[in-house]
Protein backbone atom coordinates (compact mmCIF):
# COMPACT_ATOMS: atom_id res chain seq x y z
CA MET A 1 -15.23 10.28 8.10
CA LEU A 2 -12.90 10.85 5.16
CA VAL A 3 -13.68 14.08 3.24
CA LEU A 4 -12.67 14.49 -0.42
CA SER A 5 -13.37 17.37 -2.82
CA ARG A 6 -14.78 16.44 -6.23
CA SER A 7 -15.98 18.40 -9.26
CA LYS A 8 -18.44 17.52 -12.03
CA ASP A 9 -17.64 14.16 -13.67
CA GLU A 10 -15.17 13.18 -10.93
CA SER A 11 -15.70 10.20 -8.68
CA VAL A 12 -14.56 8.26 -5.64
CA MET A 13 -14.01 4.51 -5.53
CA LEU A 14 -14.96 2.60 -2.38
CA GLY A 15 -12.90 -0.55 -2.67
CA ASP A 16 -13.38 -2.33 -6.01
CA GLU A 17 -17.15 -2.54 -5.78
CA ILE A 18 -18.65 0.97 -5.53
CA GLU A 19 -18.07 4.23 -7.40
CA VAL A 20 -19.77 7.50 -6.37
CA MET A 21 -19.77 10.08 -9.20
CA VAL A 22 -20.62 13.79 -9.15
CA LEU A 23 -22.79 14.56 -12.18
CA LYS A 24 -23.62 18.22 -11.43
CA VAL A 25 -23.08 20.83 -8.73
CA ARG A 26 -25.72 23.52 -8.34
CA GLY A 27 -26.17 25.91 -5.42
CA LYS A 28 -25.67 23.94 -2.22
CA ARG A 29 -26.53 20.58 -3.81
CA ALA A 30 -24.81 17.91 -5.85
CA LEU A 31 -26.32 15.41 -8.26
CA LEU A 32 -24.72 12.06 -7.37
CA THR A 33 -24.98 8.61 -8.86
CA VAL A 34 -23.68 5.33 -7.51
CA TYR A 35 -22.25 2.55 -9.66
CA ARG A 36 -21.97 -0.98 -8.27
CA ALA A 37 -19.87 -3.80 -9.68
CA VAL A 38 -21.95 -6.74 -10.83
CA ARG A 39 -20.00 -10.00 -10.97
CA GLY A 40 -20.88 -12.61 -13.54
CA LYS A 41 -19.15 -13.93 -16.60
CA ARG A 42 -17.57 -10.49 -16.92
CA LEU A 43 -17.46 -7.42 -14.72
CA MET A 44 -20.27 -4.98 -15.41
CA TRP A 45 -21.38 -1.82 -13.63
CA GLU A 46 -24.94 -1.09 -12.56
CA ALA A 47 -25.96 2.55 -11.97
CA ASN A 48 -28.45 3.78 -9.42
CA GLU A 49 -30.83 6.60 -10.35
CA PRO A 50 -29.03 9.96 -9.90
CA ARG A 51 -30.11 11.86 -6.80
CA TRP A 52 -29.75 15.48 -5.67
CA VAL A 53 -28.14 15.61 -2.24
CA GLY A 54 -27.85 18.86 -0.27
CA VAL A 55 -25.38 19.99 2.36
CA SER A 56 -25.84 17.93 5.57
CA GLU A 57 -27.72 15.22 3.65
CA PHE A 58 -26.37 11.78 2.79
CA LEU A 59 -26.78 8.73 0.59
CA ASP A 60 -27.01 5.36 2.31
CA LEU A 61 -24.78 3.09 0.22
CA GLY A 62 -25.66 -0.06 2.15
CA GLU A 63 -23.28 -2.43 3.91
CA GLY A 64 -22.57 0.16 6.62
CA MET A 65 -21.41 2.83 4.14
CA SER A 66 -22.68 6.35 3.52
CA CYS A 67 -21.76 9.40 1.43
CA HIS A 68 -22.41 12.83 2.99
CA VAL A 69 -22.41 16.22 1.24
CA VAL A 70 -20.30 18.18 3.72
CA ASP A 71 -20.00 21.46 1.79
CA VAL A 72 -20.27 22.99 -1.66
CA ARG A 73 -17.75 25.61 -2.73
CA GLY A 74 -18.38 26.95 -6.21
CA GLU A 75 -18.09 24.03 -8.63
CA LYS A 76 -16.61 21.65 -6.03
CA VAL A 77 -18.47 19.48 -3.59
CA ARG A 78 -16.87 18.11 -0.43
CA LEU A 79 -18.02 14.54 0.08
CA GLY A 80 -17.64 12.73 3.40
CA PHE A 81 -17.45 8.95 3.39
CA CYS A 82 -18.24 6.70 6.35
CA VAL A 83 -17.05 3.20 5.49
CA PRO A 84 -15.88 0.11 7.37
CA ARG A 85 -12.13 -0.14 7.96
CA SER A 86 -11.95 -2.99 5.43
CA ILE A 87 -12.97 -0.60 2.60
CA THR A 88 -10.42 1.85 1.18
CA PRO A 89 -11.81 5.02 -0.45
CA HIS A 90 -9.74 6.62 -3.25
CA ARG A 91 -10.27 9.38 -5.76
CA ARG A 92 -10.87 7.63 -9.10
CA GLU A 93 -7.61 8.86 -10.65
CA ILE A 94 -5.61 7.51 -7.69
CA TYR A 95 -7.50 4.21 -7.82
CA ASP A 96 -6.68 3.87 -11.55
CA ALA A 97 -2.99 4.65 -10.92
CA ILE A 98 -2.79 2.01 -8.17
CA ARG A 99 -4.51 -0.58 -10.37
CA GLY A 100 -2.09 0.23 -13.21
CA GLU A 101 0.95 -0.20 -10.97
CA LEU A 102 -0.38 -3.52 -9.70
CA GLY A 103 -1.13 -4.66 -13.23
CA THR A 104 -4.77 -5.34 -12.36
CA GLY A 105 -6.41 -2.48 -14.25
């Protein structure tokens, strides 16, 4: 499990297909939403309904992936990601920097 700290309005990319975003942090819970890439004539993103997830709870992301709320410290939530080895998780800002360097973003 890879654990990353995120604050409100920060997200984690799981490969090029899934983005998990923190919408709010309150008490020992985080309001999370999941965006999925929808391929067609152009790339679009589809959002799941936001869901409150408490410490020790998780979101099943499908395809053998899950997002766990490991801990909440003030305004930061520690998210744990269980993903197949073929999927690379990155903080959104790192993902964007990599895409920019590769000329694909």
